[in-house]
């Protein structure tokens, strides 16, 4: 099974999720450090749609200026554009497999798509 993780190596939850993926037999992991290679607004829209989340639910508020900018109540397109331009606004880690997409907070949520 192929799995893609949008990963931040500075994040403990992201590191724990990656470890689960790497330790699961038969999983071929692609790691994307999204702060260095941010997904497009279109890719983010697809990920959140497949995860059953709104862009606002995928917004990282801790340690960002998202609240001050009004992003939690902004239109989807506005949130997605802000995330694509400033990937620090993307809550992590997102994991995509053929079984779906999960925002893996906590990291054990990854088991739902393995």
PDB file of N, CA and C in Angstrom:
ATOM      1  N   UNK A   1       0.841  -1.185   0.000  1.00  0.00           N
ATOM      2  CA  UNK A   1       0.000   0.000   0.000  1.00  0.00           C
ATOM      3  C   UNK A   1       0.879   1.238   0.000  1.00  0.00           C
ATOM      4  N   UNK A   2       0.502   2.210  -0.801  1.00  0.00           N
ATOM      5  CA  UNK A   2       1.221   3.482  -0.834  1.00  0.00           C
ATOM      6  C   UNK A   2       0.576   4.453   0.156  1.00  0.00           C
ATOM      7  N   UNK A   3       1.409   5.208   0.841  1.00  0.00           N
ATOM      8  CA  UNK A   3       0.947   6.233   1.774  1.00  0.00           C
ATOM      9  C   UNK A   3       1.793   7.481   1.562  1.00  0.00           C
ATOM     10  N   UNK A   4       1.134   8.622   1.552  1.00  0.00           N
ATOM     11  CA  UNK A   4       1.828   9.907   1.468  1.00  0.00           C
ATOM     12  C   UNK A   4       1.527  10.669   2.739  1.00  0.00           C
ATOM     13  N   UNK A   5       2.583  11.171   3.370  1.00  0.00           N
ATOM     14  CA  UNK A   5       2.423  11.980   4.575  1.00  0.00           C
ATOM     15  C   UNK A   5       2.950  13.379   4.295  1.00  0.00           C
ATOM     16  N   UNK A   6       2.130  14.378   4.625  1.00  0.00           N
ATOM     17  CA  UNK A   6       2.565  15.774   4.591  1.00  0.00           C
ATOM     18  C   UNK A   6       3.088  16.031   5.993  1.00  0.00           C
ATOM     19  N   UNK A   7       4.405  16.126   6.082  1.00  0.00           N
ATOM     20  CA  UNK A   7       5.139  15.961   7.330  1.00  0.00           C
ATOM     21  C   UNK A   7       5.891  17.227   7.717  1.00  0.00           C
ATOM     22  N   UNK A   8       5.936  17.457   9.034  1.00  0.00           N
ATOM     23  CA  UNK A   8       6.796  18.498   9.600  1.00  0.00           C
ATOM     24  C   UNK A   8       7.700  17.793  10.608  1.00  0.00           C
ATOM     25  N   UNK A   9       8.994  17.640  10.298  1.00  0.00           N
ATOM     26  CA  UNK A   9       9.878  16.903  11.193  1.00  0.00           C
ATOM     27  C   UNK A   9      10.036  17.541  12.574  1.00  0.00           C
ATOM     28  N   UNK A  10       9.647  18.803  12.731  1.00  0.00           N
ATOM     29  CA  UNK A  10       9.736  19.462  14.034  1.00  0.00           C
ATOM     30  C   UNK A  10       8.535  19.141  14.924  1.00  0.00           C
ATOM     31  N   UNK A  11       7.534  18.460  14.383  1.00  0.00           N
ATOM     32  CA  UNK A  11       6.293  18.168  15.106  1.00  0.00           C
ATOM     33  C   UNK A  11       6.326  16.742  15.640  1.00  0.00           C
ATOM     34  N   UNK A  12       6.143  16.579  16.939  1.00  0.00           N
ATOM     35  CA  UNK A  12       6.153  15.266  17.560  1.00  0.00           C
ATOM     36  C   UNK A  12       5.064  14.355  17.032  1.00  0.00           C
ATOM     37  N   UNK A  13       3.858  14.869  16.857  1.00  0.00           N
ATOM     38  CA  UNK A  13       2.763  14.056  16.336  1.00  0.00           C
ATOM     39  C   UNK A  13       3.059  13.602  14.920  1.00  0.00           C
ATOM     40  N   UNK A  14       3.632  14.479  14.126  1.00  0.00           N
ATOM     41  CA  UNK A  14       3.994  14.128  12.760  1.00  0.00           C
ATOM     42  C   UNK A  14       5.070  13.042  12.758  1.00  0.00           C
ATOM     43  N   UNK A  15       6.063  13.165  13.631  1.00  0.00           N
ATOM     44  CA  UNK A  15       7.118  12.147  13.719  1.00  0.00           C
ATOM     45  C   UNK A  15       6.553  10.803  14.157  1.00  0.00           C
ATOM     46  N   UNK A  16       5.633  10.820  15.119  1.00  0.00           N
ATOM     47  CA  UNK A  16       5.018   9.570  15.596  1.00  0.00           C
ATOM     48  C   UNK A  16       4.178   8.920  14.502  1.00  0.00           C
ATOM     49  N   UNK A  17       3.469   9.730  13.729  1.00  0.00           N
ATOM     50  CA  UNK A  17       2.664   9.200  12.633  1.00  0.00           C
ATOM     51  C   UNK A  17       3.564   8.578  11.574  1.00  0.00           C
ATOM     52  N   UNK A  18       4.644   9.254  11.240  1.00  0.00           N
ATOM     53  CA  UNK A  18       5.594   8.714  10.268  1.00  0.00           C
ATOM     54  C   UNK A  18       6.174   7.391  10.761  1.00  0.00           C
ATOM     55  N   UNK A  19       6.480   7.302  12.046  1.00  0.00           N
ATOM     56  CA  UNK A  19       7.026   6.059  12.598  1.00  0.00           C
ATOM     57  C   UNK A  19       6.021   4.917  12.448  1.00  0.00           C
ATOM     58  N   UNK A  20       4.739   5.187  12.699  1.00  0.00           N
ATOM     59  CA  UNK A  20       3.710   4.150  12.513  1.00  0.00           C
ATOM     60  C   UNK A  20       3.708   3.678  11.070  1.00  0.00           C
ATOM     61  N   UNK A  21       3.743   4.623  10.134  1.00  0.00           N
ATOM     62  CA  UNK A  21       3.740   4.262   8.717  1.00  0.00           C
ATOM     63  C   UNK A  21       4.962   3.415   8.366  1.00  0.00           C
ATOM     64  N   UNK A  22       6.123   3.838   8.842  1.00  0.00           N
ATOM     65  CA  UNK A  22       7.362   3.127   8.510  1.00  0.00           C
ATOM     66  C   UNK A  22       7.425   1.741   9.143  1.00  0.00           C
ATOM     67  N   UNK A  23       6.767   1.569  10.282  1.00  0.00           N
ATOM     68  CA  UNK A  23       6.796   0.288  10.991  1.00  0.00           C
ATOM     69  C   UNK A  23       5.697  -0.675  10.537  1.00  0.00           C
ATOM     70  N   UNK A  24       4.777  -0.205   9.694  1.00  0.00           N
ATOM     71  CA  UNK A  24       3.686  -1.054   9.228  1.00  0.00           C
ATOM     72  C   UNK A  24       4.127  -1.825   7.995  1.00  0.00           C
ATOM     73  N   UNK A  25       4.144  -3.162   8.079  1.00  0.00           N
ATOM     74  CA  UNK A  25       4.572  -3.958   6.932  1.00  0.00           C
ATOM     75  C   UNK A  25       3.720  -3.679   5.695  1.00  0.00           C
ATOM     76  N   UNK A  26       4.389  -3.617   4.541  1.00  0.00           N
ATOM     77  CA  UNK A  26       3.687  -3.446   3.276  1.00  0.00           C
ATOM     78  C   UNK A  26       3.324  -2.020   2.918  1.00  0.00           C
ATOM     79  N   UNK A  27       3.716  -1.057   3.752  1.00  0.00           N
ATOM     80  CA  UNK A  27       3.407   0.342   3.460  1.00  0.00           C
ATOM     81  C   UNK A  27       4.635   1.002   2.829  1.00  0.00           C
ATOM     82  N   UNK A  28       4.429   1.551   1.638  1.00  0.00           N
ATOM     83  CA  UNK A  28       5.460   2.297   0.908  1.00  0.00           C
ATOM     84  C   UNK A  28       5.180   3.778   1.148  1.00  0.00           C
ATOM     85  N   UNK A  29       6.036   4.429   1.930  1.00  0.00           N
ATOM     86  CA  UNK A  29       5.775   5.796   2.391  1.00  0.00           C
ATOM     87  C   UNK A  29       6.495   6.831   1.528  1.00  0.00           C
ATOM     88  N   UNK A  30       5.746   7.838   1.104  1.00  0.00           N
ATOM     89  CA  UNK A  30       6.311   9.031   0.486  1.00  0.00           C
ATOM     90  C   UNK A  30       6.168  10.159   1.501  1.00  0.00           C
ATOM     91  N   UNK A  31       7.276  10.805   1.806  1.00  0.00           N
ATOM     92  CA  UNK A  31       7.281  11.890   2.788  1.00  0.00           C
ATOM     93  C   UNK A  31       7.422  13.213   2.049  1.00  0.00           C
ATOM     94  N   UNK A  32       6.482  14.110   2.298  1.00  0.00           N
ATOM     95  CA  UNK A  32       6.551  15.458   1.735  1.00  0.00           C
ATOM     96  C   UNK A  32       6.661  16.438   2.897  1.00  0.00           C
ATOM     97  N   UNK A  33       7.791  17.113   2.982  1.00  0.00           N
ATOM     98  CA  UNK A  33       7.936  18.154   3.993  1.00  0.00           C
ATOM     99  C   UNK A  33       7.213  19.390   3.468  1.00  0.00           C
ATOM    100  N   UNK A  34       5.963  19.524   3.899  1.00  0.00           N
ATOM    101  CA  UNK A  34       5.078  20.520   3.294  1.00  0.00           C
ATOM    102  C   UNK A  34       5.507  21.961   3.527  1.00  0.00           C
ATOM    103  N   UNK A  35       6.357  22.208   4.527  1.00  0.00           N
ATOM    104  CA  UNK A  35       6.849  23.573   4.707  1.00  0.00           C
ATOM    105  C   UNK A  35       7.841  23.947   3.611  1.00  0.00           C
ATOM    106  N   UNK A  36       8.523  22.935   3.046  1.00  0.00           N
ATOM    107  CA  UNK A  36       9.474  23.154   1.957  1.00  0.00           C
ATOM    108  C   UNK A  36       8.802  23.010   0.591  1.00  0.00           C
ATOM    109  N   UNK A  37       7.802  22.142   0.499  1.00  0.00           N
ATOM    110  CA  UNK A  37       7.098  21.868  -0.767  1.00  0.00           C
ATOM    111  C   UNK A  37       5.596  21.871  -0.496  1.00  0.00           C
ATOM    112  N   UNK A  38       5.014  23.061  -0.344  1.00  0.00           N
ATOM    113  CA  UNK A  38       3.600  23.124   0.034  1.00  0.00           C
ATOM    114  C   UNK A  38       2.668  22.616  -1.068  1.00  0.00           C
ATOM    115  N   UNK A  39       1.592  21.952  -0.659  1.00  0.00           N
ATOM    116  CA  UNK A  39       0.598  21.535  -1.642  1.00  0.00           C
ATOM    117  C   UNK A  39      -0.146  22.752  -2.186  1.00  0.00           C
ATOM    118  N   UNK A  40      -0.683  22.596  -3.377  1.00  0.00           N
ATOM    119  CA  UNK A  40      -1.480  23.677  -3.972  1.00  0.00           C
ATOM    120  C   UNK A  40      -2.825  23.775  -3.256  1.00  0.00           C
ATOM    121  N   UNK A  41      -3.507  24.878  -3.480  1.00  0.00           N
ATOM    122  CA  UNK A  41      -4.847  25.038  -2.923  1.00  0.00           C
ATOM    123  C   UNK A  41      -5.761  23.931  -3.438  1.00  0.00           C
ATOM    124  N   UNK A  42      -5.589  23.538  -4.694  1.00  0.00           N
ATOM    125  CA  UNK A  42      -6.416  22.472  -5.279  1.00  0.00           C
ATOM    126  C   UNK A  42      -6.152  21.137  -4.603  1.00  0.00           C
ATOM    127  N   UNK A  43      -4.880  20.817  -4.339  1.00  0.00           N
ATOM    128  CA  UNK A  43      -4.542  19.569  -3.657  1.00  0.00           C
ATOM    129  C   UNK A  43      -5.081  19.581  -2.237  1.00  0.00           C
ATOM    130  N   UNK A  44      -4.940  20.703  -1.552  1.00  0.00           N
ATOM    131  CA  UNK A  44      -5.488  20.810  -0.194  1.00  0.00           C
ATOM    132  C   UNK A  44      -6.996  20.605  -0.196  1.00  0.00           C
ATOM    133  N   UNK A  45      -7.686  21.202  -1.156  1.00  0.00           N
ATOM    134  CA  UNK A  45      -9.137  21.040  -1.246  1.00  0.00           C
ATOM    135  C   UNK A  45      -9.494  19.563  -1.393  1.00  0.00           C
ATOM    136  N   UNK A  46      -8.759  18.852  -2.249  1.00  0.00           N
ATOM    137  CA  UNK A  46      -9.003  17.420  -2.455  1.00  0.00           C
ATOM    138  C   UNK A  46      -8.723  16.629  -1.180  1.00  0.00           C
ATOM    139  N   UNK A  47      -7.621  16.936  -0.498  1.00  0.00           N
ATOM    140  CA  UNK A  47      -7.290  16.224   0.731  1.00  0.00           C
ATOM    141  C   UNK A  47      -8.371  16.410   1.792  1.00  0.00           C
ATOM    142  N   UNK A  48      -8.804  17.634   2.000  1.00  0.00           N
ATOM    143  CA  UNK A  48      -9.828  17.891   3.017  1.00  0.00           C
ATOM    144  C   UNK A  48     -11.161  17.264   2.621  1.00  0.00           C
ATOM    145  N   UNK A  49     -11.513  17.342   1.355  1.00  0.00           N
ATOM    146  CA  UNK A  49     -12.751  16.714   0.874  1.00  0.00           C
ATOM    147  C   UNK A  49     -12.703  15.208   1.154  1.00  0.00           C
ATOM    148  N   UNK A  50     -11.573  14.574   0.805  1.00  0.00           N
ATOM    149  CA  UNK A  50     -11.431  13.130   1.010  1.00  0.00           C
ATOM    150  C   UNK A  50     -11.376  12.754   2.488  1.00  0.00           C
ATOM    151  N   UNK A  51     -10.948  13.675   3.322  1.00  0.00           N
ATOM    152  CA  UNK A  51     -10.892  13.433   4.767  1.00  0.00           C
ATOM    153  C   UNK A  51     -12.219  13.743   5.447  1.00  0.00           C
ATOM    154  N   UNK A  52     -13.148  14.357   4.706  1.00  0.00           N
ATOM    155  CA  UNK A  52     -14.425  14.748   5.301  1.00  0.00           C
ATOM    156  C   UNK A  52     -14.304  15.954   6.210  1.00  0.00           C
ATOM    157  N   UNK A  53     -13.341  16.806   5.902  1.00  0.00           N
ATOM    158  CA  UNK A  53     -13.092  18.010   6.698  1.00  0.00           C
ATOM    159  C   UNK A  53     -13.305  19.256   5.858  1.00  0.00           C
ATOM    160  N   UNK A  54     -13.604  20.352   6.532  1.00  0.00           N
ATOM    161  CA  UNK A  54     -13.603  21.645   5.859  1.00  0.00           C
ATOM    162  C   UNK A  54     -12.177  22.189   5.917  1.00  0.00           C
ATOM    163  N   UNK A  55     -11.829  23.102   5.021  1.00  0.00           N
ATOM    164  CA  UNK A  55     -10.511  23.724   5.127  1.00  0.00           C
ATOM    165  C   UNK A  55     -10.299  24.380   6.497  1.00  0.00           C
ATOM    166  N   UNK A  56     -11.354  24.942   7.051  1.00  0.00           N
ATOM    167  CA  UNK A  56     -11.234  25.588   8.358  1.00  0.00           C
ATOM    168  C   UNK A  56     -10.862  24.572   9.443  1.00  0.00           C
ATOM    169  N   UNK A  57     -11.344  23.321   9.315  1.00  0.00           N
ATOM    170  CA  UNK A  57     -11.007  22.279  10.278  1.00  0.00           C
ATOM    171  C   UNK A  57      -9.559  21.817  10.119  1.00  0.00           C
ATOM    172  N   UNK A  58      -8.980  22.062   8.957  1.00  0.00           N
ATOM    173  CA  UNK A  58      -7.592  21.705   8.707  1.00  0.00           C
ATOM    174  C   UNK A  58      -6.623  22.840   8.954  1.00  0.00           C
ATOM    175  N   UNK A  59      -7.119  23.929   9.499  1.00  0.00           N
ATOM    176  CA  UNK A  59      -6.320  25.133   9.726  1.00  0.00           C
ATOM    177  C   UNK A  59      -5.560  25.034  11.043  1.00  0.00           C
ATOM    178  N   UNK A  60      -4.284  25.280  10.984  1.00  0.00           N
ATOM    179  CA  UNK A  60      -3.477  25.310  12.215  1.00  0.00           C
ATOM    180  C   UNK A  60      -3.619  26.686  12.843  1.00  0.00           C
ATOM    181  N   UNK A  61      -4.138  26.704  14.047  1.00  0.00           N
ATOM    182  CA  UNK A  61      -4.357  27.970  14.735  1.00  0.00           C
ATOM    183  C   UNK A  61      -3.274  28.234  15.771  1.00  0.00           C
ATOM    184  N   UNK A  62      -2.797  27.164  16.408  1.00  0.00           N
ATOM    185  CA  UNK A  62      -1.757  27.306  17.431  1.00  0.00           C
ATOM    186  C   UNK A  62      -0.456  27.779  16.780  1.00  0.00           C
ATOM    187  N   UNK A  63       0.099  28.861  17.312  1.00  0.00           N
ATOM    188  CA  UNK A  63       1.374  29.356  16.822  1.00  0.00           C
ATOM    189  C   UNK A  63       1.305  30.068  15.485  1.00  0.00           C
ATOM    190  N   UNK A  64       0.098  30.420  15.046  1.00  0.00           N
ATOM    191  CA  UNK A  64      -0.058  31.152  13.791  1.00  0.00           C
ATOM    192  C   UNK A  64      -0.919  32.391  14.034  1.00  0.00           C
ATOM    193  N   UNK A  65      -1.066  33.195  13.000  1.00  0.00           N
ATOM    194  CA  UNK A  65      -1.926  34.378  13.097  1.00  0.00           C
ATOM    195  C   UNK A  65      -3.291  34.126  12.445  1.00  0.00           C
ATOM    196  N   UNK A  66      -3.678  32.855  12.334  1.00  0.00           N
ATOM    197  CA  UNK A  66      -4.938  32.495  11.663  1.00  0.00           C
ATOM    198  C   UNK A  66      -6.144  33.187  12.290  1.00  0.00           C
ATOM    199  N   UNK A  67      -6.211  33.212  13.617  1.00  0.00           N
ATOM    200  CA  UNK A  67      -7.357  33.838  14.281  1.00  0.00           C
ATOM    201  C   UNK A  67      -7.396  35.339  14.023  1.00  0.00           C
ATOM    202  N   UNK A  68      -6.241  35.982  14.130  1.00  0.00           N
ATOM    203  CA  UNK A  68      -6.182  37.433  13.912  1.00  0.00           C
ATOM    204  C   UNK A  68      -6.596  37.798  12.485  1.00  0.00           C
ATOM    205  N   UNK A  69      -6.325  36.908  11.552  1.00  0.00           N
ATOM    206  CA  UNK A  69      -6.673  37.157  10.147  1.00  0.00           C
ATOM    207  C   UNK A  69      -8.106  36.759   9.816  1.00  0.00           C
ATOM    208  N   UNK A  70      -8.816  36.200  10.784  1.00  0.00           N
ATOM    209  CA  UNK A  70     -10.208  35.821  10.552  1.00  0.00           C
ATOM    210  C   UNK A  70     -10.356  34.555   9.721  1.00  0.00           C
ATOM    211  N   UNK A  71      -9.300  33.761   9.600  1.00  0.00           N
ATOM    212  CA  UNK A  71      -9.352  32.578   8.738  1.00  0.00           C
ATOM    213  C   UNK A  71     -10.315  31.489   9.229  1.00  0.00           C
ATOM    214  N   UNK A  72     -10.514  31.316  10.555  1.00  0.00           N
ATOM    215  CA  UNK A  72     -11.436  30.261  10.975  1.00  0.00           C
ATOM    216  C   UNK A  72     -12.875  30.445  10.473  1.00  0.00           C
ATOM    217  N   UNK A  73     -13.235  31.665  10.117  1.00  0.00           N
ATOM    218  CA  UNK A  73     -14.591  31.909   9.613  1.00  0.00           C
ATOM    219  C   UNK A  73     -14.591  32.409   8.169  1.00  0.00           C
ATOM    220  N   UNK A  74     -13.444  32.364   7.528  1.00  0.00           N
ATOM    221  CA  UNK A  74     -13.323  32.832   6.140  1.00  0.00           C
ATOM    222  C   UNK A  74     -13.858  31.779   5.172  1.00  0.00           C
ATOM    223  N   UNK A  75     -14.083  32.211   3.945  1.00  0.00           N
ATOM    224  CA  UNK A  75     -14.542  31.305   2.887  1.00  0.00           C
ATOM    225  C   UNK A  75     -13.477  30.251   2.605  1.00  0.00           C
ATOM    226  N   UNK A  76     -13.913  29.086   2.145  1.00  0.00           N
ATOM    227  CA  UNK A  76     -12.993  27.983   1.852  1.00  0.00           C
ATOM    228  C   UNK A  76     -11.846  28.428   0.947  1.00  0.00           C
ATOM    229  N   UNK A  77     -12.160  29.120  -0.139  1.00  0.00           N
ATOM    230  CA  UNK A  77     -11.127  29.523  -1.100  1.00  0.00           C
ATOM    231  C   UNK A  77     -10.087  30.428  -0.445  1.00  0.00           C
ATOM    232  N   UNK A  78     -10.521  31.290   0.461  1.00  0.00           N
ATOM    233  CA  UNK A  78      -9.606  32.189   1.166  1.00  0.00           C
ATOM    234  C   UNK A  78      -8.667  31.396   2.064  1.00  0.00           C
ATOM    235  N   UNK A  79      -9.228  30.427   2.786  1.00  0.00           N
ATOM    236  CA  UNK A  79      -8.419  29.598   3.695  1.00  0.00           C
ATOM    237  C   UNK A  79      -7.418  28.776   2.895  1.00  0.00           C
ATOM    238  N   UNK A  80      -7.871  28.150   1.825  1.00  0.00           N
ATOM    239  CA  UNK A  80      -6.997  27.315   1.007  1.00  0.00           C
ATOM    240  C   UNK A  80      -5.875  28.132   0.378  1.00  0.00           C
ATOM    241  N   UNK A  81      -6.187  29.324  -0.100  1.00  0.00           N
ATOM    242  CA  UNK A  81      -5.163  30.190  -0.693  1.00  0.00           C
ATOM    243  C   UNK A  81      -4.134  30.600   0.356  1.00  0.00           C
ATOM    244  N   UNK A  82      -4.597  30.906   1.568  1.00  0.00           N
ATOM    245  CA  UNK A  82      -3.680  31.285   2.642  1.00  0.00           C
ATOM    246  C   UNK A  82      -2.763  30.119   3.007  1.00  0.00           C
ATOM    247  N   UNK A  83      -3.323  28.915   3.073  1.00  0.00           N
ATOM    248  CA  UNK A  83      -2.524  27.725   3.404  1.00  0.00           C
ATOM    249  C   UNK A  83      -1.473  27.446   2.326  1.00  0.00           C
ATOM    250  N   UNK A  84      -1.861  27.566   1.070  1.00  0.00           N
ATOM    251  CA  UNK A  84      -0.921  27.311  -0.025  1.00  0.00           C
ATOM    252  C   UNK A  84       0.206  28.346  -0.017  1.00  0.00           C
ATOM    253  N   UNK A  85      -0.123  29.593   0.324  1.00  0.00           N
ATOM    254  CA  UNK A  85       0.880  30.656   0.352  1.00  0.00           C
ATOM    255  C   UNK A  85       1.759  30.591   1.607  1.00  0.00           C
ATOM    256  N   UNK A  86       1.160  30.156   2.716  1.00  0.00           N
ATOM    257  CA  UNK A  86       1.863  30.091   4.001  1.00  0.00           C
ATOM    258  C   UNK A  86       1.585  28.732   4.630  1.00  0.00           C
ATOM    259  N   UNK A  87       2.350  27.720   4.266  1.00  0.00           N
ATOM    260  CA  UNK A  87       2.033  26.361   4.702  1.00  0.00           C
ATOM    261  C   UNK A  87       2.088  26.130   6.207  1.00  0.00           C
ATOM    262  N   UNK A  88       2.644  27.071   6.965  1.00  0.00           N
ATOM    263  CA  UNK A  88       2.605  26.939   8.422  1.00  0.00           C
ATOM    264  C   UNK A  88       1.160  26.898   8.915  1.00  0.00           C
ATOM    265  N   UNK A  89       0.221  27.380   8.100  1.00  0.00           N
ATOM    266  CA  UNK A  89      -1.199  27.384   8.460  1.00  0.00           C
ATOM    267  C   UNK A  89      -1.872  26.022   8.287  1.00  0.00           C
ATOM    268  N   UNK A  90      -1.160  25.042   7.735  1.00  0.00           N
ATOM    269  CA  UNK A  90      -1.713  23.706   7.523  1.00  0.00           C
ATOM    270  C   UNK A  90      -1.488  22.872   8.783  1.00  0.00           C
ATOM    271  N   UNK A  91      -2.578  22.373   9.357  1.00  0.00           N
ATOM    272  CA  UNK A  91      -2.444  21.466  10.508  1.00  0.00           C
ATOM    273  C   UNK A  91      -1.864  20.154  10.021  1.00  0.00           C
ATOM    274  N   UNK A  92      -1.026  19.550  10.809  1.00  0.00           N
ATOM    275  CA  UNK A  92      -0.323  18.347  10.385  1.00  0.00           C
ATOM    276  C   UNK A  92      -0.481  17.254  11.416  1.00  0.00           C
ATOM    277  N   UNK A  93      -0.159  16.044  10.974  1.00  0.00           N
ATOM    278  CA  UNK A  93       0.168  15.591   9.625  1.00  0.00           C
ATOM    279  C   UNK A  93      -1.074  15.099   8.883  1.00  0.00           C
ATOM    280  N   UNK A  94      -1.092  15.330   7.600  1.00  0.00           N
ATOM    281  CA  UNK A  94      -2.106  14.752   6.721  1.00  0.00           C
ATOM    282  C   UNK A  94      -1.505  13.501   6.092  1.00  0.00           C
ATOM    283  N   UNK A  95      -2.282  12.421   6.052  1.00  0.00           N
ATOM    284  CA  UNK A  95      -1.831  11.176   5.436  1.00  0.00           C
ATOM    285  C   UNK A  95      -2.891  10.732   4.444  1.00  0.00           C
ATOM    286  N   UNK A  96      -2.420  10.348   3.251  1.00  0.00           N
ATOM    287  CA  UNK A  96      -3.313   9.882   2.186  1.00  0.00           C
ATOM    288  C   UNK A  96      -2.903   8.473   1.772  1.00  0.00           C
ATOM    289  N   UNK A  97      -3.881   7.562   1.732  1.00  0.00           N
ATOM    290  CA  UNK A  97      -3.681   6.219   1.186  1.00  0.00           C
ATOM    291  C   UNK A  97      -4.854   5.943   0.251  1.00  0.00           C
ATOM    292  N   UNK A  98      -4.854   4.767  -0.353  1.00  0.00           N
ATOM    293  CA  UNK A  98      -5.966   4.396  -1.229  1.00  0.00           C
ATOM    294  C   UNK A  98      -7.265   4.243  -0.444  1.00  0.00           C
ATOM    295  N   UNK A  99      -7.174   4.144   0.880  1.00  0.00           N
ATOM    296  CA  UNK A  99      -8.366   4.006   1.722  1.00  0.00           C
ATOM    297  C   UNK A  99      -8.912   5.343   2.199  1.00  0.00           C
ATOM    298  N   UNK A 100      -8.209   6.443   1.903  1.00  0.00           N
ATOM    299  CA  UNK A 100      -8.705   7.752   2.310  1.00  0.00           C
ATOM    300  C   UNK A 100      -7.614   8.668   2.812  1.00  0.00           C
ATOM    301  N   UNK A 101      -8.060   9.738   3.444  1.00  0.00           N
ATOM    302  CA  UNK A 101      -7.167  10.766   3.985  1.00  0.00           C
ATOM    303  C   UNK A 101      -7.559  11.006   5.436  1.00  0.00           C
ATOM    304  N   UNK A 102      -6.569  11.195   6.276  1.00  0.00           N
ATOM    305  CA  UNK A 102      -6.819  11.555   7.667  1.00  0.00           C
ATOM    306  C   UNK A 102      -5.869  12.659   8.097  1.00  0.00           C
ATOM    307  N   UNK A 103      -6.403  13.556   8.917  1.00  0.00           N
ATOM    308  CA  UNK A 103      -5.579  14.484   9.676  1.00  0.00           C
ATOM    309  C   UNK A 103      -5.258  13.723  10.952  1.00  0.00           C
ATOM    310  N   UNK A 104      -4.028  13.312  11.099  1.00  0.00           N
ATOM    311  CA  UNK A 104      -3.647  12.347  12.133  1.00  0.00           C
ATOM    312  C   UNK A 104      -3.284  13.014  13.448  1.00  0.00           C
ATOM    313  N   UNK A 105      -4.294  13.595  14.065  1.00  0.00           N
ATOM    314  CA  UNK A 105      -4.186  14.155  15.395  1.00  0.00           C
ATOM    315  C   UNK A 105      -5.310  13.534  16.200  1.00  0.00           C
ATOM    316  N   UNK A 106      -5.052  12.587  17.070  1.00  0.00           N
ATOM    317  CA  UNK A 106      -3.749  12.027  17.406  1.00  0.00           C
ATOM    318  C   UNK A 106      -3.228  11.088  16.317  1.00  0.00           C
ATOM    319  N   UNK A 107      -1.983  10.692  16.469  1.00  0.00           N
ATOM    320  CA  UNK A 107      -1.316   9.897  15.447  1.00  0.00           C
ATOM    321  C   UNK A 107      -2.002   8.557  15.172  1.00  0.00           C
ATOM    322  N   UNK A 108      -2.712   8.016  16.140  1.00  0.00           N
ATOM    323  CA  UNK A 108      -3.364   6.720  15.948  1.00  0.00           C
ATOM    324  C   UNK A 108      -4.470   6.752  14.899  1.00  0.00           C
ATOM    325  N   UNK A 109      -4.933   7.929  14.513  1.00  0.00           N
ATOM    326  CA  UNK A 109      -5.948   8.032  13.459  1.00  0.00           C
ATOM    327  C   UNK A 109      -5.460   7.450  12.141  1.00  0.00           C
ATOM    328  N   UNK A 110      -4.146   7.358  11.971  1.00  0.00           N
ATOM    329  CA  UNK A 110      -3.593   6.821  10.743  1.00  0.00           C
ATOM    330  C   UNK A 110      -4.022   5.369  10.528  1.00  0.00           C
ATOM    331  N   UNK A 111      -4.268   4.640  11.609  1.00  0.00           N
ATOM    332  CA  UNK A 111      -4.671   3.233  11.497  1.00  0.00           C
ATOM    333  C   UNK A 111      -5.996   3.083  10.742  1.00  0.00           C
ATOM    334  N   UNK A 112      -6.834   4.126  10.735  1.00  0.00           N
ATOM    335  CA  UNK A 112      -8.121   4.066  10.046  1.00  0.00           C
ATOM    336  C   UNK A 112      -7.969   3.906   8.539  1.00  0.00           C
ATOM    337  N   UNK A 113      -6.814   4.288   7.993  1.00  0.00           N
ATOM    338  CA  UNK A 113      -6.636   4.233   6.528  1.00  0.00           C
ATOM    339  C   UNK A 113      -5.495   3.289   6.114  1.00  0.00           C
ATOM    340  N   UNK A 114      -5.106   2.411   7.032  1.00  0.00           N
ATOM    341  CA  UNK A 114      -4.078   1.417   6.709  1.00  0.00           C
ATOM    342  C   UNK A 114      -4.710   0.046   6.518  1.00  0.00           C
TER     343      UNK A 114
END
